[in-house]
N, C-alpha and C. Protein backbone atom coordinates (compact mmCIF):
# COMPACT_ATOMS: atom_id res chain seq x y z
N ALA A 1 106.57 129.26 127.39
CA ALA A 1 107.26 128.20 128.11
C ALA A 1 106.32 127.57 129.11
N LEU A 2 106.63 126.34 129.45
CA LEU A 2 105.82 125.64 130.44
C LEU A 2 105.93 126.32 131.79
N ASP A 3 104.81 126.28 132.57
CA ASP A 3 104.85 126.79 133.94
C ASP A 3 106.00 126.17 134.72
N ARG A 4 106.12 124.84 134.61
CA ARG A 4 107.10 124.14 135.43
C ARG A 4 108.52 124.51 135.05
N ALA A 5 108.73 124.85 133.80
CA ALA A 5 110.08 125.19 133.36
C ALA A 5 110.43 126.62 133.70
N SER A 6 109.44 127.51 133.62
CA SER A 6 109.74 128.93 133.79
C SER A 6 109.64 129.41 135.23
N ASN A 7 108.84 128.71 136.04
CA ASN A 7 108.56 129.20 137.38
C ASN A 7 109.43 128.59 138.46
N GLY A 8 110.32 127.67 138.11
CA GLY A 8 111.24 127.10 139.09
C GLY A 8 110.53 126.53 140.29
N GLY A 9 110.78 127.12 141.48
CA GLY A 9 110.19 126.60 142.71
C GLY A 9 108.83 127.16 143.03
N GLU A 10 108.23 127.92 142.10
CA GLU A 10 106.90 128.46 142.36
C GLU A 10 105.84 127.39 142.25
N ILE A 11 104.71 127.62 142.93
CA ILE A 11 103.57 126.71 142.84
C ILE A 11 102.86 126.97 141.52
N LEU A 12 102.57 125.89 140.80
CA LEU A 12 101.96 125.99 139.49
C LEU A 12 100.45 125.99 139.57
N GLY A 13 99.83 126.16 138.40
CA GLY A 13 98.39 125.99 138.28
C GLY A 13 97.59 126.92 139.16
N GLY A 14 96.28 126.61 139.30
CA GLY A 14 95.39 127.40 140.15
C GLY A 14 95.21 126.72 141.48
N VAL A 15 96.25 126.70 142.29
CA VAL A 15 96.23 125.95 143.54
C VAL A 15 95.71 126.82 144.67
N THR A 16 94.71 126.31 145.39
CA THR A 16 94.18 126.99 146.58
C THR A 16 94.20 126.04 147.76
N VAL A 17 94.34 126.62 148.94
CA VAL A 17 94.24 125.88 150.20
C VAL A 17 93.37 126.70 151.14
N GLY A 18 92.25 126.15 151.56
CA GLY A 18 91.37 126.89 152.45
C GLY A 18 90.92 128.21 151.87
N GLY A 19 90.74 128.25 150.54
CA GLY A 19 90.30 129.47 149.89
C GLY A 19 91.42 130.45 149.58
N ILE A 20 92.66 130.13 149.96
CA ILE A 20 93.80 131.01 149.71
C ILE A 20 94.48 130.60 148.41
N GLU A 21 94.67 131.54 147.52
CA GLU A 21 95.34 131.28 146.25
C GLU A 21 96.85 131.22 146.46
N LEU A 22 97.44 130.07 146.09
CA LEU A 22 98.88 129.89 146.25
C LEU A 22 99.64 129.93 144.93
N SER A 23 98.95 129.94 143.81
CA SER A 23 99.61 129.90 142.51
C SER A 23 100.58 131.06 142.36
N GLY A 24 101.77 130.73 141.87
CA GLY A 24 102.79 131.75 141.62
C GLY A 24 103.61 132.11 142.84
N LEU A 25 103.25 131.60 144.02
CA LEU A 25 104.03 131.89 145.21
C LEU A 25 105.23 130.97 145.30
N SER A 26 106.30 131.47 145.87
CA SER A 26 107.45 130.62 146.15
C SER A 26 107.10 129.71 147.32
N GLU A 27 107.93 128.71 147.54
CA GLU A 27 107.68 127.80 148.67
C GLU A 27 107.65 128.57 149.98
N ARG A 28 108.56 129.50 150.14
CA ARG A 28 108.61 130.30 151.38
C ARG A 28 107.38 131.15 151.54
N GLN A 29 106.94 131.80 150.47
CA GLN A 29 105.75 132.64 150.54
C GLN A 29 104.50 131.81 150.84
N ALA A 30 104.41 130.64 150.21
CA ALA A 30 103.26 129.76 150.43
C ALA A 30 103.22 129.27 151.87
N ARG A 31 104.38 128.93 152.39
CA ARG A 31 104.44 128.47 153.79
C ARG A 31 103.97 129.58 154.73
N ARG A 32 104.39 130.80 154.45
CA ARG A 32 103.97 131.92 155.29
C ARG A 32 102.45 132.11 155.21
N ALA A 33 101.89 131.97 154.01
CA ALA A 33 100.44 132.11 153.84
C ALA A 33 99.69 131.04 154.62
N LEU A 34 100.22 129.81 154.63
CA LEU A 34 99.57 128.73 155.38
C LEU A 34 99.70 128.95 156.88
N GLN A 35 100.82 129.50 157.31
CA GLN A 35 100.99 129.80 158.73
C GLN A 35 100.00 130.88 159.18
N GLN A 36 99.74 131.85 158.30
CA GLN A 36 98.75 132.88 158.62
C GLN A 36 97.35 132.29 158.69
N LEU A 37 97.07 131.34 157.79
CA LEU A 37 95.78 130.66 157.83
C LEU A 37 95.62 129.90 159.14
N GLU A 38 96.68 129.21 159.56
CA GLU A 38 96.63 128.48 160.83
C GLU A 38 96.35 129.42 161.99
N ALA A 39 97.01 130.57 162.02
CA ALA A 39 96.81 131.53 163.10
C ALA A 39 95.35 131.99 163.15
N GLU A 40 94.75 132.22 161.97
CA GLU A 40 93.35 132.63 161.93
C GLU A 40 92.44 131.51 162.43
N MET A 41 92.71 130.27 162.02
CA MET A 41 91.86 129.15 162.43
C MET A 41 91.97 128.88 163.93
N ARG A 42 93.14 129.10 164.49
CA ARG A 42 93.33 128.88 165.92
C ARG A 42 92.56 129.90 166.76
N ARG A 43 92.20 131.05 166.13
CA ARG A 43 91.48 132.10 166.86
C ARG A 43 89.96 132.02 166.67
N ARG A 44 89.48 131.12 165.82
CA ARG A 44 88.05 131.00 165.59
C ARG A 44 87.47 130.01 166.61
N PRO A 45 86.62 130.48 167.51
CA PRO A 45 86.16 129.59 168.59
C PRO A 45 85.26 128.46 168.10
N LEU A 46 85.40 127.33 168.75
CA LEU A 46 84.45 126.24 168.61
C LEU A 46 83.38 126.45 169.67
N VAL A 47 82.12 126.30 169.28
CA VAL A 47 81.00 126.51 170.20
C VAL A 47 80.34 125.17 170.50
N PHE A 48 80.20 124.88 171.78
CA PHE A 48 79.62 123.61 172.23
C PHE A 48 78.34 123.89 173.01
N ASP A 49 77.30 123.11 172.75
CA ASP A 49 76.05 123.20 173.50
C ASP A 49 75.90 121.93 174.34
N VAL A 50 75.91 122.12 175.67
CA VAL A 50 75.73 120.99 176.59
C VAL A 50 74.39 121.17 177.29
N LEU A 51 73.38 120.48 176.81
CA LEU A 51 72.03 120.53 177.39
C LEU A 51 71.56 121.97 177.59
N GLY A 52 71.81 122.81 176.59
CA GLY A 52 71.34 124.19 176.64
C GLY A 52 72.34 125.19 177.18
N SER A 53 73.44 124.73 177.73
CA SER A 53 74.50 125.63 178.21
C SER A 53 75.57 125.74 177.13
N GLU A 54 75.97 126.97 176.82
CA GLU A 54 76.95 127.19 175.74
C GLU A 54 78.35 127.38 176.30
N PHE A 55 79.29 126.73 175.67
CA PHE A 55 80.70 126.86 176.03
C PHE A 55 81.50 127.13 174.76
N ARG A 56 82.49 128.03 174.88
CA ARG A 56 83.34 128.37 173.74
C ARG A 56 84.78 127.98 174.04
N LEU A 57 85.44 127.50 172.99
CA LEU A 57 86.80 127.01 173.15
C LEU A 57 87.60 127.36 171.91
N LEU A 58 88.76 127.97 172.09
CA LEU A 58 89.62 128.25 170.95
C LEU A 58 90.37 126.98 170.55
N PRO A 59 90.48 126.72 169.24
CA PRO A 59 91.27 125.55 168.81
C PRO A 59 92.69 125.54 169.39
N SER A 60 93.26 126.73 169.61
CA SER A 60 94.61 126.79 170.19
C SER A 60 94.65 126.18 171.59
N GLU A 61 93.50 126.17 172.28
CA GLU A 61 93.45 125.64 173.65
C GLU A 61 93.45 124.11 173.68
N ILE A 62 93.20 123.50 172.54
CA ILE A 62 93.26 122.04 172.47
C ILE A 62 94.34 121.60 171.48
N GLY A 63 95.37 122.41 171.36
CA GLY A 63 96.55 122.02 170.59
C GLY A 63 96.36 121.90 169.10
N PHE A 64 95.44 122.70 168.53
CA PHE A 64 95.22 122.61 167.08
C PHE A 64 96.48 122.98 166.32
N ASP A 65 96.82 122.16 165.33
CA ASP A 65 98.02 122.38 164.52
C ASP A 65 97.70 122.07 163.07
N LEU A 66 97.82 123.06 162.22
CA LEU A 66 97.62 122.86 160.79
C LEU A 66 98.89 122.27 160.18
N ASP A 67 98.74 121.24 159.39
CA ASP A 67 99.90 120.54 158.81
C ASP A 67 100.34 121.25 157.54
N GLU A 68 101.04 122.37 157.73
CA GLU A 68 101.45 123.18 156.58
C GLU A 68 102.35 122.42 155.62
N GLU A 69 103.24 121.59 156.15
CA GLU A 69 104.22 120.93 155.27
C GLU A 69 103.55 119.92 154.34
N THR A 70 102.57 119.16 154.85
CA THR A 70 101.87 118.20 154.00
C THR A 70 101.10 118.92 152.89
N MET A 71 100.42 120.00 153.25
CA MET A 71 99.64 120.74 152.26
C MET A 71 100.56 121.44 151.26
N LEU A 72 101.67 121.97 151.74
CA LEU A 72 102.61 122.64 150.85
C LEU A 72 103.20 121.65 149.85
N ALA A 73 103.52 120.45 150.32
CA ALA A 73 104.06 119.42 149.42
C ALA A 73 103.06 119.06 148.33
N ALA A 74 101.78 118.97 148.70
CA ALA A 74 100.74 118.66 147.71
C ALA A 74 100.62 119.78 146.68
N ALA A 75 100.72 121.02 147.15
CA ALA A 75 100.64 122.15 146.23
C ALA A 75 101.82 122.17 145.27
N LEU A 76 103.00 121.88 145.77
CA LEU A 76 104.20 121.91 144.93
C LEU A 76 104.22 120.77 143.92
N ARG A 77 103.54 119.66 144.25
CA ARG A 77 103.52 118.52 143.33
C ARG A 77 102.62 118.78 142.13
N ASN A 78 101.71 119.72 142.25
CA ASN A 78 100.74 119.96 141.18
C ASN A 78 101.44 120.29 139.86
N GLY A 79 101.24 119.40 138.85
CA GLY A 79 101.83 119.60 137.53
C GLY A 79 103.27 119.17 137.41
N ARG A 80 103.85 118.63 138.50
CA ARG A 80 105.27 118.25 138.45
C ARG A 80 105.49 116.75 138.58
N GLU A 81 104.42 115.99 138.77
CA GLU A 81 104.58 114.56 138.96
C GLU A 81 104.79 113.87 137.61
N GLY A 82 105.53 112.78 137.62
CA GLY A 82 105.79 112.03 136.41
C GLY A 82 106.93 112.60 135.60
N GLY A 83 107.17 112.03 134.41
CA GLY A 83 108.25 112.48 133.55
C GLY A 83 107.85 113.70 132.73
N LEU A 84 108.75 114.14 131.88
CA LEU A 84 108.49 115.33 131.07
C LEU A 84 107.28 115.15 130.17
N GLY A 85 107.07 113.93 129.68
CA GLY A 85 105.93 113.69 128.80
C GLY A 85 104.61 113.92 129.53
N SER A 86 104.49 113.34 130.74
CA SER A 86 103.24 113.51 131.48
C SER A 86 103.08 114.94 131.95
N GLN A 87 104.20 115.62 132.25
CA GLN A 87 104.10 117.01 132.67
C GLN A 87 103.66 117.89 131.49
N PHE A 88 104.15 117.57 130.27
CA PHE A 88 103.71 118.33 129.11
C PHE A 88 102.22 118.13 128.88
N ARG A 89 101.74 116.88 129.05
CA ARG A 89 100.32 116.61 128.86
C ARG A 89 99.51 117.37 129.90
N TRP A 90 100.03 117.47 131.14
CA TRP A 90 99.34 118.26 132.18
C TRP A 90 99.22 119.71 131.73
N TRP A 91 100.35 120.25 131.24
CA TRP A 91 100.37 121.65 130.81
C TRP A 91 99.40 121.88 129.65
N ALA A 92 99.46 120.99 128.66
CA ALA A 92 98.61 121.14 127.48
C ALA A 92 97.13 121.02 127.84
N GLY A 93 96.84 120.18 128.82
CA GLY A 93 95.45 119.97 129.21
C GLY A 93 94.90 121.04 130.13
N HIS A 94 95.77 121.93 130.61
CA HIS A 94 95.32 122.95 131.56
C HIS A 94 95.67 124.36 131.08
N LEU A 95 95.73 124.54 129.76
CA LEU A 95 96.03 125.88 129.24
C LEU A 95 94.97 126.88 129.66
N GLY A 96 93.72 126.42 129.75
CA GLY A 96 92.65 127.34 130.07
C GLY A 96 92.52 127.62 131.56
N ASN A 97 92.51 126.55 132.37
CA ASN A 97 92.26 126.77 133.81
C ASN A 97 93.51 126.66 134.66
N ARG A 98 94.65 126.46 134.05
CA ARG A 98 95.94 126.40 134.75
C ARG A 98 95.97 125.33 135.82
N GLY A 99 95.16 124.26 135.64
CA GLY A 99 95.27 123.12 136.54
C GLY A 99 94.72 123.37 137.92
N ASN A 100 93.52 123.89 138.00
CA ASN A 100 92.94 124.22 139.28
C ASN A 100 92.99 123.02 140.24
N LEU A 101 93.47 123.28 141.44
CA LEU A 101 93.59 122.24 142.46
C LEU A 101 93.28 122.85 143.82
N ALA A 102 92.30 122.27 144.50
CA ALA A 102 91.99 122.69 145.87
C ALA A 102 92.58 121.66 146.82
N VAL A 103 93.64 122.02 147.50
CA VAL A 103 94.30 121.11 148.44
C VAL A 103 93.48 121.04 149.72
N GLU A 104 93.17 119.83 150.16
CA GLU A 104 92.38 119.67 151.38
C GLU A 104 93.18 120.10 152.60
N LEU A 105 92.48 120.73 153.54
CA LEU A 105 93.13 121.11 154.79
C LEU A 105 93.47 119.86 155.59
N ALA A 106 94.60 119.90 156.26
CA ALA A 106 95.04 118.78 157.10
C ALA A 106 95.58 119.34 158.40
N GLY A 107 95.26 118.67 159.50
CA GLY A 107 95.74 119.16 160.79
C GLY A 107 95.45 118.16 161.89
N SER A 108 95.80 118.53 163.10
CA SER A 108 95.61 117.64 164.25
C SER A 108 95.26 118.48 165.48
N TRP A 109 94.81 117.80 166.53
CA TRP A 109 94.51 118.46 167.80
C TRP A 109 94.64 117.43 168.92
N ASP A 110 94.60 117.89 170.17
CA ASP A 110 94.90 117.06 171.33
C ASP A 110 93.61 116.64 172.05
N ARG A 111 93.25 115.38 171.95
CA ARG A 111 92.03 114.88 172.59
C ARG A 111 92.10 114.99 174.11
N GLU A 112 93.26 114.72 174.67
CA GLU A 112 93.38 114.77 176.13
C GLU A 112 93.15 116.19 176.65
N ALA A 113 93.56 117.19 175.87
CA ALA A 113 93.33 118.57 176.28
C ALA A 113 91.83 118.86 176.32
N LEU A 114 91.09 118.36 175.33
CA LEU A 114 89.64 118.57 175.32
C LEU A 114 88.96 117.81 176.45
N ARG A 115 89.47 116.65 176.80
CA ARG A 115 88.85 115.83 177.84
C ARG A 115 88.69 116.62 179.15
N GLY A 116 89.71 117.39 179.50
CA GLY A 116 89.65 118.18 180.72
C GLY A 116 88.52 119.21 180.68
N TYR A 117 88.34 119.84 179.52
CA TYR A 117 87.24 120.80 179.39
C TYR A 117 85.89 120.11 179.49
N LEU A 118 85.76 118.94 178.87
CA LEU A 118 84.50 118.21 178.91
C LEU A 118 84.12 117.86 180.35
N GLU A 119 85.09 117.48 181.15
CA GLU A 119 84.81 117.15 182.54
C GLU A 119 84.33 118.37 183.31
N ASP A 120 84.93 119.53 183.02
CA ASP A 120 84.49 120.77 183.67
C ASP A 120 83.06 121.13 183.24
N TRP A 121 82.78 121.00 181.94
CA TRP A 121 81.44 121.35 181.44
C TRP A 121 80.40 120.40 181.99
N GLU A 122 80.77 119.15 182.16
CA GLU A 122 79.85 118.17 182.71
C GLU A 122 79.43 118.58 184.12
N SER A 123 80.39 119.02 184.92
CA SER A 123 80.09 119.45 186.28
C SER A 123 79.22 120.71 186.30
N ALA A 124 79.47 121.60 185.34
CA ALA A 124 78.77 122.89 185.33
C ALA A 124 77.37 122.79 184.74
N ALA A 125 77.15 121.91 183.77
CA ALA A 125 75.91 121.95 183.00
C ALA A 125 74.96 120.78 183.24
N ILE A 126 75.43 119.72 183.88
CA ILE A 126 74.59 118.53 184.04
C ILE A 126 74.18 118.39 185.50
N ALA A 127 72.87 118.34 185.72
CA ALA A 127 72.34 118.33 187.08
C ALA A 127 72.36 116.96 187.73
N ASP A 128 72.39 115.91 186.93
CA ASP A 128 72.30 114.56 187.50
C ASP A 128 73.45 113.66 187.01
N PRO A 129 74.70 114.03 187.30
CA PRO A 129 75.83 113.19 186.87
C PRO A 129 75.86 111.89 187.67
N PRO A 130 76.61 110.91 187.21
CA PRO A 130 76.75 109.68 187.99
C PRO A 130 77.33 109.97 189.37
N PHE A 131 76.82 109.25 190.37
CA PHE A 131 77.32 109.39 191.74
C PHE A 131 78.14 108.15 192.06
N ASP A 132 79.41 108.35 192.39
CA ASP A 132 80.31 107.23 192.60
C ASP A 132 80.17 106.56 193.96
N GLY A 133 79.24 107.05 194.76
CA GLY A 133 79.08 106.49 196.10
C GLY A 133 80.04 107.15 197.07
N GLY A 134 79.92 106.77 198.30
CA GLY A 134 80.80 107.35 199.30
C GLY A 134 80.56 106.76 200.68
N VAL A 135 81.21 107.35 201.64
CA VAL A 135 81.11 106.90 203.03
C VAL A 135 80.72 108.11 203.88
N ALA A 136 79.74 107.92 204.76
CA ALA A 136 79.29 109.00 205.63
C ALA A 136 79.10 108.48 207.05
N VAL A 137 79.04 109.38 207.98
CA VAL A 137 78.77 109.02 209.37
C VAL A 137 77.39 109.52 209.73
N GLN A 138 76.52 108.59 210.11
CA GLN A 138 75.15 108.92 210.48
C GLN A 138 74.85 108.33 211.86
N ASP A 139 74.45 109.20 212.81
CA ASP A 139 74.15 108.76 214.18
C ASP A 139 75.32 107.99 214.78
N GLY A 140 76.52 108.45 214.48
CA GLY A 140 77.71 107.83 215.05
C GLY A 140 78.14 106.55 214.37
N ARG A 141 77.46 106.18 213.29
CA ARG A 141 77.80 104.94 212.56
C ARG A 141 78.30 105.28 211.17
N VAL A 142 79.26 104.50 210.69
CA VAL A 142 79.76 104.64 209.33
C VAL A 142 78.83 103.89 208.38
N VAL A 143 78.34 104.59 207.38
CA VAL A 143 77.42 103.96 206.42
C VAL A 143 77.94 104.18 205.00
N ALA A 144 77.60 103.24 204.15
CA ALA A 144 77.99 103.33 202.74
C ALA A 144 76.87 104.02 201.96
N LEU A 145 77.23 104.98 201.11
CA LEU A 145 76.28 105.65 200.23
C LEU A 145 76.37 104.99 198.86
N ALA A 146 75.30 104.37 198.44
CA ALA A 146 75.33 103.55 197.23
C ALA A 146 75.59 104.40 195.98
N PRO A 147 76.41 103.90 195.08
CA PRO A 147 76.64 104.60 193.81
C PRO A 147 75.38 104.54 192.95
N GLU A 148 75.20 105.56 192.09
CA GLU A 148 74.03 105.62 191.23
C GLU A 148 74.44 106.08 189.83
N PRO A 149 73.79 105.54 188.80
CA PRO A 149 74.06 106.02 187.44
C PRO A 149 73.52 107.43 187.26
N GLY A 150 73.96 108.09 186.20
CA GLY A 150 73.50 109.44 185.92
C GLY A 150 73.84 109.84 184.50
N THR A 151 73.60 111.09 184.17
CA THR A 151 73.86 111.61 182.82
C THR A 151 75.29 112.14 182.73
N GLY A 152 75.97 111.76 181.65
CA GLY A 152 77.33 112.23 181.44
C GLY A 152 77.57 112.52 179.97
N ILE A 153 78.63 113.26 179.68
CA ILE A 153 79.00 113.57 178.30
C ILE A 153 79.62 112.34 177.65
N ASP A 154 79.17 112.05 176.45
CA ASP A 154 79.75 110.95 175.66
C ASP A 154 81.03 111.49 175.00
N GLN A 155 82.15 111.32 175.68
CA GLN A 155 83.38 111.96 175.23
C GLN A 155 83.84 111.46 173.87
N GLU A 156 83.77 110.17 173.62
CA GLU A 156 84.23 109.65 172.33
C GLU A 156 83.39 110.21 171.19
N ALA A 157 82.10 110.38 171.42
CA ALA A 157 81.24 110.96 170.38
C ALA A 157 81.61 112.42 170.13
N VAL A 158 81.96 113.15 171.19
CA VAL A 158 82.38 114.54 171.03
C VAL A 158 83.67 114.61 170.23
N PHE A 159 84.61 113.72 170.51
CA PHE A 159 85.87 113.70 169.77
C PHE A 159 85.61 113.53 168.27
N THR A 160 84.68 112.65 167.94
CA THR A 160 84.35 112.43 166.53
C THR A 160 83.76 113.69 165.90
N LEU A 161 82.88 114.37 166.63
CA LEU A 161 82.27 115.60 166.11
C LEU A 161 83.32 116.69 165.90
N VAL A 162 84.26 116.80 166.82
CA VAL A 162 85.31 117.80 166.68
C VAL A 162 86.19 117.48 165.47
N ASP A 163 86.49 116.20 165.28
CA ASP A 163 87.25 115.78 164.09
C ASP A 163 86.56 116.27 162.81
N GLU A 164 85.23 116.23 162.81
CA GLU A 164 84.47 116.56 161.60
C GLU A 164 84.45 118.05 161.30
N VAL A 165 84.61 118.91 162.33
CA VAL A 165 84.40 120.34 162.09
C VAL A 165 85.64 121.21 162.31
N ILE A 166 86.67 120.68 162.96
CA ILE A 166 87.76 121.56 163.38
C ILE A 166 88.53 122.15 162.19
N LEU A 167 88.45 121.52 161.02
CA LEU A 167 89.12 122.06 159.84
C LEU A 167 88.19 122.93 158.99
N ASP A 168 86.94 123.10 159.44
CA ASP A 168 86.04 124.01 158.73
C ASP A 168 86.47 125.45 158.98
N LEU A 169 86.39 126.28 157.95
CA LEU A 169 86.74 127.68 158.13
C LEU A 169 85.66 128.44 158.90
N ALA A 170 84.43 127.89 158.91
CA ALA A 170 83.35 128.46 159.72
C ALA A 170 82.65 127.29 160.42
N PRO A 171 83.26 126.75 161.47
CA PRO A 171 82.73 125.54 162.10
C PRO A 171 81.35 125.77 162.71
N PRO A 172 80.43 124.81 162.52
CA PRO A 172 79.09 124.93 163.11
C PRO A 172 79.13 124.64 164.61
N GLU A 173 78.06 125.02 165.28
CA GLU A 173 77.96 124.71 166.71
C GLU A 173 77.88 123.20 166.90
N ILE A 174 78.53 122.72 167.95
CA ILE A 174 78.55 121.29 168.25
C ILE A 174 77.57 121.01 169.37
N THR A 175 76.56 120.21 169.09
CA THR A 175 75.64 119.76 170.14
C THR A 175 76.26 118.55 170.81
N VAL A 176 76.59 118.69 172.08
CA VAL A 176 77.35 117.67 172.79
C VAL A 176 76.43 116.50 173.17
N PRO A 177 76.74 115.29 172.70
CA PRO A 177 75.91 114.13 173.04
C PRO A 177 76.11 113.73 174.51
N THR A 178 75.01 113.31 175.14
CA THR A 178 75.08 112.79 176.50
C THR A 178 74.47 111.39 176.53
N SER A 179 74.73 110.68 177.60
CA SER A 179 74.20 109.33 177.74
C SER A 179 74.11 108.98 179.22
N VAL A 180 73.33 107.96 179.53
CA VAL A 180 73.27 107.45 180.89
C VAL A 180 74.55 106.66 181.14
N GLN A 181 75.25 107.02 182.19
CA GLN A 181 76.55 106.39 182.46
C GLN A 181 76.59 105.78 183.85
N SER A 182 77.35 104.73 183.97
CA SER A 182 77.48 104.03 185.25
C SER A 182 78.51 104.72 186.12
N PRO A 183 78.35 104.63 187.44
CA PRO A 183 79.36 105.21 188.34
C PRO A 183 80.68 104.46 188.23
N ALA A 184 81.74 105.11 188.65
CA ALA A 184 83.07 104.50 188.56
C ALA A 184 83.25 103.36 189.55
N LEU A 185 82.55 103.41 190.69
CA LEU A 185 82.68 102.39 191.73
C LEU A 185 81.42 101.52 191.80
N THR A 186 81.59 100.29 192.26
CA THR A 186 80.46 99.38 192.47
C THR A 186 80.02 99.46 193.93
N GLU A 187 78.83 98.92 194.19
CA GLU A 187 78.33 98.90 195.56
C GLU A 187 79.27 98.11 196.47
N VAL A 188 79.85 97.04 195.95
CA VAL A 188 80.78 96.22 196.74
C VAL A 188 82.00 97.05 197.14
N GLN A 189 82.55 97.80 196.20
CA GLN A 189 83.72 98.62 196.51
C GLN A 189 83.40 99.69 197.56
N VAL A 190 82.22 100.29 197.45
CA VAL A 190 81.84 101.30 198.43
C VAL A 190 81.63 100.67 199.80
N ALA A 191 81.02 99.49 199.83
CA ALA A 191 80.82 98.79 201.10
C ALA A 191 82.15 98.43 201.75
N GLN A 192 83.09 98.00 200.94
CA GLN A 192 84.42 97.67 201.47
C GLN A 192 85.10 98.90 202.05
N ALA A 193 84.92 100.05 201.38
CA ALA A 193 85.50 101.29 201.89
C ALA A 193 84.87 101.66 203.23
N ALA A 194 83.55 101.44 203.35
CA ALA A 194 82.86 101.74 204.61
C ALA A 194 83.36 100.83 205.72
N ASP A 195 83.59 99.54 205.41
CA ASP A 195 84.10 98.60 206.42
C ASP A 195 85.47 99.03 206.93
N ARG A 196 86.31 99.50 205.99
CA ARG A 196 87.65 99.92 206.39
C ARG A 196 87.62 101.20 207.26
N ALA A 197 86.57 101.99 207.06
CA ALA A 197 86.48 103.25 207.80
C ALA A 197 85.95 103.08 209.22
N GLU A 198 85.36 101.93 209.53
CA GLU A 198 84.81 101.69 210.88
C GLU A 198 85.92 101.52 211.91
């Protein structure tokens, strides 16, 4: 009998997700297997190198979430799409390999959560960050301290790198890009603050 006819709600063919064999599992069993995979991935640290300083971060700390339902739906569709004719052709064409299908991992994470860590690492690992300027009292006079550019983490570039590796089962170390960045305040704004402080 055809896989699809005899196995009911079981996953057909040679379906794998992240190296896990799902063929023959019920929908409930497959969902549990994907949830276990997510738990393992959330415990595998991402390693970041910021100008020679190493920082480790668990995917769970930046809201990593594996999209089990999307992957499960793709696994269940294997060999079941189309009418009976196309399903029979699928079965006949996969008698030997049972329709091997590697479902791509899918998931998401929270960029804003990572942003906070990047700001902390920038303070800890970068010796010459941008200086936003300030106001000081020298010899009884209020003076403006001019803002200066400096080295900072290129956050958008880091987000892109994390997107590329967070679904890897053995993610490589991420070398954090830096760039020369402008201070948040202008000289005019700092001077105005000094005037108000007099």
